[in-house]
Amino acid sequence: MDIETLERYMKTLGDKSRLRLLKALEEGPLCICDLTVLLDVSQPAVSQHMHRLKKEGIVLDERRGRWIYWSINAHHPQYSLLLDLLKLLPRQTTTCREENNRCK
């Protein structure tokens, strides 16, 4: 990885909202509606952050019916680095799965 690529990657991860989104996705795929409830952030803000992460190849999206589910890209060259960084963050207090707060 060259220095410019690493700089762009670190800038993308250097946002607490994006880190919180990635921490939530650490447990598995979630749709935007789950992420907005879990993190108490507006849908447009979550979408903007997810598209920035997708642009860097950090997350993937998958359409399931009406919903798009987001997940961490396990094939990204820096996947293991990302997992190490996410381990440093505290676990979210609850998850959508625990609250049974799934998209309908």
N, C-alpha and C. Protein backbone atom coordinates (compact mmCIF):
# COMPACT_ATOMS: atom_id res chain seq x y z
N MET A 1 0.86 -1.17 0.00
CA MET A 1 0.00 0.00 0.00
C MET A 1 0.90 1.23 0.00
N ASP A 2 0.60 2.17 -0.88
CA ASP A 2 1.39 3.40 -0.90
C ASP A 2 0.85 4.38 0.13
N ILE A 3 1.61 5.43 0.39
CA ILE A 3 1.27 6.36 1.46
C ILE A 3 -0.02 7.11 1.18
N GLU A 4 -0.29 7.44 -0.08
CA GLU A 4 -1.53 8.15 -0.42
C GLU A 4 -2.76 7.28 -0.16
N THR A 5 -2.66 6.01 -0.50
CA THR A 5 -3.77 5.08 -0.25
C THR A 5 -4.01 4.92 1.24
N LEU A 6 -2.94 4.78 2.00
CA LEU A 6 -3.07 4.65 3.45
C LEU A 6 -3.66 5.92 4.06
N GLU A 7 -3.23 7.07 3.57
CA GLU A 7 -3.77 8.34 4.07
C GLU A 7 -5.27 8.42 3.82
N ARG A 8 -5.72 8.08 2.60
CA ARG A 8 -7.14 8.11 2.27
C ARG A 8 -7.93 7.14 3.15
N TYR A 9 -7.38 5.95 3.35
CA TYR A 9 -8.02 4.93 4.19
C TYR A 9 -8.17 5.44 5.63
N MET A 10 -7.10 6.01 6.16
CA MET A 10 -7.14 6.50 7.54
C MET A 10 -8.08 7.70 7.68
N LYS A 11 -8.15 8.55 6.67
CA LYS A 11 -9.09 9.68 6.71
C LYS A 11 -10.53 9.17 6.72
N THR A 12 -10.78 8.14 5.93
CA THR A 12 -12.12 7.56 5.91
C THR A 12 -12.48 6.99 7.28
N LEU A 13 -11.54 6.34 7.92
CA LEU A 13 -11.79 5.76 9.24
C LEU A 13 -11.71 6.80 10.35
N GLY A 14 -11.22 7.98 10.05
CA GLY A 14 -11.01 9.00 11.06
C GLY A 14 -12.26 9.80 11.40
N ASP A 15 -13.40 9.19 11.30
CA ASP A 15 -14.67 9.83 11.62
C ASP A 15 -15.40 8.95 12.63
N LYS A 16 -15.79 9.53 13.76
CA LYS A 16 -16.37 8.68 14.81
C LYS A 16 -17.69 8.05 14.38
N SER A 17 -18.47 8.72 13.55
CA SER A 17 -19.72 8.11 13.07
C SER A 17 -19.43 6.89 12.21
N ARG A 18 -18.45 7.00 11.33
CA ARG A 18 -18.11 5.85 10.49
C ARG A 18 -17.54 4.71 11.32
N LEU A 19 -16.75 5.03 12.33
CA LEU A 19 -16.23 3.98 13.21
C LEU A 19 -17.36 3.29 13.96
N ARG A 20 -18.35 4.06 14.42
CA ARG A 20 -19.49 3.47 15.11
C ARG A 20 -20.30 2.57 14.17
N LEU A 21 -20.46 3.00 12.92
CA LEU A 21 -21.16 2.18 11.94
C LEU A 21 -20.42 0.87 11.70
N LEU A 22 -19.12 0.96 11.54
CA LEU A 22 -18.32 -0.25 11.32
C LEU A 22 -18.37 -1.17 12.54
N LYS A 23 -18.34 -0.59 13.73
CA LYS A 23 -18.43 -1.41 14.94
C LYS A 23 -19.77 -2.16 14.97
N ALA A 24 -20.84 -1.49 14.57
CA ALA A 24 -22.15 -2.15 14.51
C ALA A 24 -22.15 -3.28 13.48
N LEU A 25 -21.49 -3.05 12.35
CA LEU A 25 -21.45 -4.06 11.28
C LEU A 25 -20.52 -5.22 11.61
N GLU A 26 -19.71 -5.06 12.63
CA GLU A 26 -18.80 -6.12 13.02
C GLU A 26 -19.56 -7.42 13.34
N GLU A 27 -20.79 -7.29 13.82
CA GLU A 27 -21.60 -8.46 14.18
C GLU A 27 -22.34 -9.07 13.00
N GLY A 28 -22.33 -8.39 11.85
CA GLY A 28 -23.00 -8.91 10.68
C GLY A 28 -23.74 -7.83 9.92
N PRO A 29 -24.31 -8.17 8.77
CA PRO A 29 -24.98 -7.20 7.91
C PRO A 29 -26.18 -6.54 8.59
N LEU A 30 -26.35 -5.26 8.29
CA LEU A 30 -27.49 -4.49 8.78
C LEU A 30 -27.97 -3.57 7.67
N CYS A 31 -29.26 -3.24 7.71
CA CYS A 31 -29.79 -2.28 6.75
C CYS A 31 -29.69 -0.87 7.35
N ILE A 32 -29.89 0.13 6.51
CA ILE A 32 -29.79 1.52 6.95
C ILE A 32 -30.75 1.79 8.10
N CYS A 33 -31.96 1.23 8.03
CA CYS A 33 -32.94 1.49 9.09
C CYS A 33 -32.45 0.96 10.43
N ASP A 34 -31.78 -0.19 10.42
CA ASP A 34 -31.20 -0.72 11.66
C ASP A 34 -30.12 0.22 12.19
N LEU A 35 -29.26 0.67 11.29
CA LEU A 35 -28.14 1.53 11.70
C LEU A 35 -28.62 2.87 12.23
N THR A 36 -29.68 3.44 11.64
CA THR A 36 -30.18 4.72 12.13
C THR A 36 -30.74 4.59 13.54
N VAL A 37 -31.44 3.50 13.81
CA VAL A 37 -32.00 3.27 15.15
C VAL A 37 -30.89 2.99 16.15
N LEU A 38 -29.99 2.13 15.78
CA LEU A 38 -28.91 1.72 16.68
C LEU A 38 -28.04 2.90 17.09
N LEU A 39 -27.70 3.75 16.13
CA LEU A 39 -26.78 4.85 16.40
C LEU A 39 -27.47 6.19 16.61
N ASP A 40 -28.79 6.22 16.47
CA ASP A 40 -29.56 7.45 16.63
C ASP A 40 -29.02 8.56 15.73
N VAL A 41 -28.90 8.22 14.44
CA VAL A 41 -28.40 9.13 13.42
C VAL A 41 -29.42 9.14 12.29
N SER A 42 -29.56 10.27 11.60
CA SER A 42 -30.54 10.36 10.52
C SER A 42 -30.19 9.43 9.36
N GLN A 43 -31.22 9.04 8.63
CA GLN A 43 -31.02 8.15 7.48
C GLN A 43 -30.10 8.78 6.43
N PRO A 44 -30.28 10.06 6.07
CA PRO A 44 -29.36 10.65 5.09
C PRO A 44 -27.90 10.65 5.55
N ALA A 45 -27.69 10.90 6.84
CA ALA A 45 -26.31 10.91 7.37
C ALA A 45 -25.70 9.51 7.30
N VAL A 46 -26.47 8.50 7.69
CA VAL A 46 -25.96 7.12 7.63
C VAL A 46 -25.66 6.75 6.18
N SER A 47 -26.56 7.07 5.27
CA SER A 47 -26.35 6.75 3.86
C SER A 47 -25.08 7.41 3.32
N GLN A 48 -24.87 8.66 3.68
CA GLN A 48 -23.67 9.37 3.22
C GLN A 48 -22.40 8.69 3.73
N HIS A 49 -22.40 8.33 5.01
CA HIS A 49 -21.23 7.65 5.58
C HIS A 49 -21.00 6.29 4.93
N MET A 50 -22.08 5.55 4.69
CA MET A 50 -21.95 4.22 4.10
C MET A 50 -21.41 4.31 2.67
N HIS A 51 -21.85 5.32 1.93
CA HIS A 51 -21.35 5.47 0.57
C HIS A 51 -19.87 5.86 0.56
N ARG A 52 -19.45 6.63 1.54
CA ARG A 52 -18.01 6.96 1.66
C ARG A 52 -17.20 5.69 1.95
N LEU A 53 -17.70 4.86 2.86
CA LEU A 53 -17.03 3.59 3.18
C LEU A 53 -17.02 2.65 1.97
N LYS A 54 -18.11 2.65 1.22
CA LYS A 54 -18.19 1.80 0.02
C LYS A 54 -17.20 2.26 -1.04
N LYS A 55 -17.07 3.56 -1.19
CA LYS A 55 -16.13 4.12 -2.17
C LYS A 55 -14.71 3.63 -1.91
N GLU A 56 -14.36 3.46 -0.64
CA GLU A 56 -13.03 2.96 -0.27
C GLU A 56 -12.97 1.43 -0.28
N GLY A 57 -14.09 0.78 -0.54
CA GLY A 57 -14.11 -0.68 -0.59
C GLY A 57 -14.17 -1.33 0.78
N ILE A 58 -14.44 -0.54 1.82
CA ILE A 58 -14.44 -1.05 3.19
C ILE A 58 -15.72 -1.83 3.49
N VAL A 59 -16.83 -1.41 2.88
CA VAL A 59 -18.11 -2.10 3.07
C VAL A 59 -18.68 -2.52 1.72
N LEU A 60 -19.59 -3.48 1.79
CA LEU A 60 -20.32 -3.96 0.62
C LEU A 60 -21.81 -3.78 0.87
N ASP A 61 -22.56 -3.61 -0.20
CA ASP A 61 -24.02 -3.56 -0.06
C ASP A 61 -24.65 -4.69 -0.87
N GLU A 62 -25.78 -5.17 -0.36
CA GLU A 62 -26.50 -6.27 -1.00
C GLU A 62 -27.99 -6.01 -0.89
N ARG A 63 -28.65 -6.00 -2.03
CA ARG A 63 -30.10 -5.79 -2.04
C ARG A 63 -30.81 -7.07 -1.65
N ARG A 64 -31.74 -6.94 -0.69
CA ARG A 64 -32.60 -8.06 -0.26
C ARG A 64 -34.03 -7.54 -0.26
N GLY A 65 -34.72 -7.79 -1.36
CA GLY A 65 -36.06 -7.25 -1.49
C GLY A 65 -36.00 -5.74 -1.59
N ARG A 66 -36.73 -5.07 -0.71
CA ARG A 66 -36.76 -3.61 -0.72
C ARG A 66 -35.57 -2.99 -0.02
N TRP A 67 -34.82 -3.76 0.73
CA TRP A 67 -33.78 -3.22 1.60
C TRP A 67 -32.39 -3.51 1.08
N ILE A 68 -31.48 -2.61 1.40
CA ILE A 68 -30.07 -2.82 1.10
C ILE A 68 -29.37 -3.08 2.42
N TYR A 69 -28.69 -4.20 2.49
CA TYR A 69 -27.94 -4.57 3.69
C TYR A 69 -26.46 -4.30 3.47
N TRP A 70 -25.84 -3.75 4.48
CA TRP A 70 -24.43 -3.39 4.44
C TRP A 70 -23.63 -4.35 5.30
N SER A 71 -22.41 -4.64 4.86
CA SER A 71 -21.51 -5.50 5.63
C SER A 71 -20.07 -5.06 5.40
N ILE A 72 -19.21 -5.46 6.31
CA ILE A 72 -17.78 -5.17 6.16
C ILE A 72 -17.23 -6.09 5.07
N ASN A 73 -16.42 -5.54 4.20
CA ASN A 73 -15.82 -6.28 3.09
C ASN A 73 -14.65 -7.11 3.61
N ALA A 74 -14.87 -8.40 3.76
CA ALA A 74 -13.82 -9.30 4.28
C ALA A 74 -12.69 -9.51 3.28
N HIS A 75 -12.87 -9.06 2.04
CA HIS A 75 -11.84 -9.22 1.02
C HIS A 75 -11.02 -7.95 0.81
N HIS A 76 -11.30 -6.91 1.60
CA HIS A 76 -10.52 -5.68 1.49
C HIS A 76 -9.09 -5.96 1.94
N PRO A 77 -8.10 -5.40 1.25
CA PRO A 77 -6.70 -5.68 1.62
C PRO A 77 -6.35 -5.33 3.07
N GLN A 78 -7.08 -4.40 3.66
CA GLN A 78 -6.78 -3.99 5.04
C GLN A 78 -7.81 -4.52 6.04
N TYR A 79 -8.49 -5.60 5.67
CA TYR A 79 -9.54 -6.17 6.53
C TYR A 79 -9.02 -6.51 7.92
N SER A 80 -7.89 -7.17 8.00
CA SER A 80 -7.37 -7.57 9.32
C SER A 80 -6.98 -6.35 10.15
N LEU A 81 -6.45 -5.31 9.50
CA LEU A 81 -6.14 -4.07 10.21
C LEU A 81 -7.42 -3.44 10.75
N LEU A 82 -8.47 -3.43 9.94
CA LEU A 82 -9.74 -2.87 10.38
C LEU A 82 -10.28 -3.63 11.59
N LEU A 83 -10.25 -4.95 11.55
CA LEU A 83 -10.73 -5.74 12.69
C LEU A 83 -9.93 -5.44 13.95
N ASP A 84 -8.61 -5.29 13.81
CA ASP A 84 -7.78 -4.94 14.96
C ASP A 84 -8.18 -3.58 15.53
N LEU A 85 -8.45 -2.62 14.65
CA LEU A 85 -8.87 -1.29 15.11
C LEU A 85 -10.23 -1.35 15.80
N LEU A 86 -11.16 -2.12 15.24
CA LEU A 86 -12.49 -2.22 15.82
C LEU A 86 -12.47 -2.89 17.20
N LYS A 87 -11.51 -3.78 17.41
CA LYS A 87 -11.38 -4.43 18.73
C LYS A 87 -11.05 -3.43 19.82
N LEU A 88 -10.44 -2.31 19.44
CA LEU A 88 -10.08 -1.28 20.41
C LEU A 88 -11.28 -0.47 20.89
N LEU A 89 -12.37 -0.53 20.12
CA LEU A 89 -13.57 0.24 20.46
C LEU A 89 -14.47 -0.56 21.38
N PRO A 90 -15.16 0.14 22.29
CA PRO A 90 -16.11 -0.57 23.15
C PRO A 90 -17.29 -1.08 22.33
N ARG A 91 -17.86 -2.18 22.76
CA ARG A 91 -19.04 -2.76 22.10
C ARG A 91 -20.21 -1.81 22.28
N GLN A 92 -21.07 -1.75 21.26
CA GLN A 92 -22.29 -0.96 21.38
C GLN A 92 -23.10 -1.52 22.55
N THR A 93 -23.83 -0.67 23.24
CA THR A 93 -24.57 -1.13 24.41
C THR A 93 -25.68 -2.11 24.05
N THR A 94 -26.33 -1.91 22.93
CA THR A 94 -27.35 -2.85 22.46
C THR A 94 -27.19 -2.99 20.96
N THR A 95 -27.79 -3.99 20.42
CA THR A 95 -27.81 -4.14 18.96
C THR A 95 -29.25 -4.24 18.51
N CYS A 96 -29.47 -4.00 17.25
CA CYS A 96 -30.82 -4.13 16.70
C CYS A 96 -31.34 -5.54 16.87
N ARG A 97 -30.44 -6.50 16.77
CA ARG A 97 -30.86 -7.89 16.92
C ARG A 97 -31.40 -8.13 18.34
N GLU A 98 -30.72 -7.56 19.33
CA GLU A 98 -31.16 -7.74 20.71
C GLU A 98 -32.50 -7.06 20.95
N GLU A 99 -32.72 -5.93 20.30
CA GLU A 99 -33.97 -5.19 20.48
C GLU A 99 -35.06 -5.70 19.55
N ASN A 100 -34.72 -6.65 18.68
CA ASN A 100 -35.66 -7.15 17.67
C ASN A 100 -36.20 -5.99 16.85
N ASN A 101 -35.32 -5.09 16.48
CA ASN A 101 -35.70 -3.86 15.79
C ASN A 101 -35.31 -3.95 14.32
N ARG A 102 -35.77 -4.97 13.65
CA ARG A 102 -35.40 -5.22 12.26
C ARG A 102 -36.27 -4.42 11.30
N CYS A 103 -35.75 -4.21 10.11
CA CYS A 103 -36.53 -3.56 9.05
C CYS A 103 -37.71 -4.45 8.67
N LYS A 104 -38.78 -3.86 8.36
CA LYS A 104 -39.97 -4.61 7.97
C LYS A 104 -40.31 -4.33 6.53
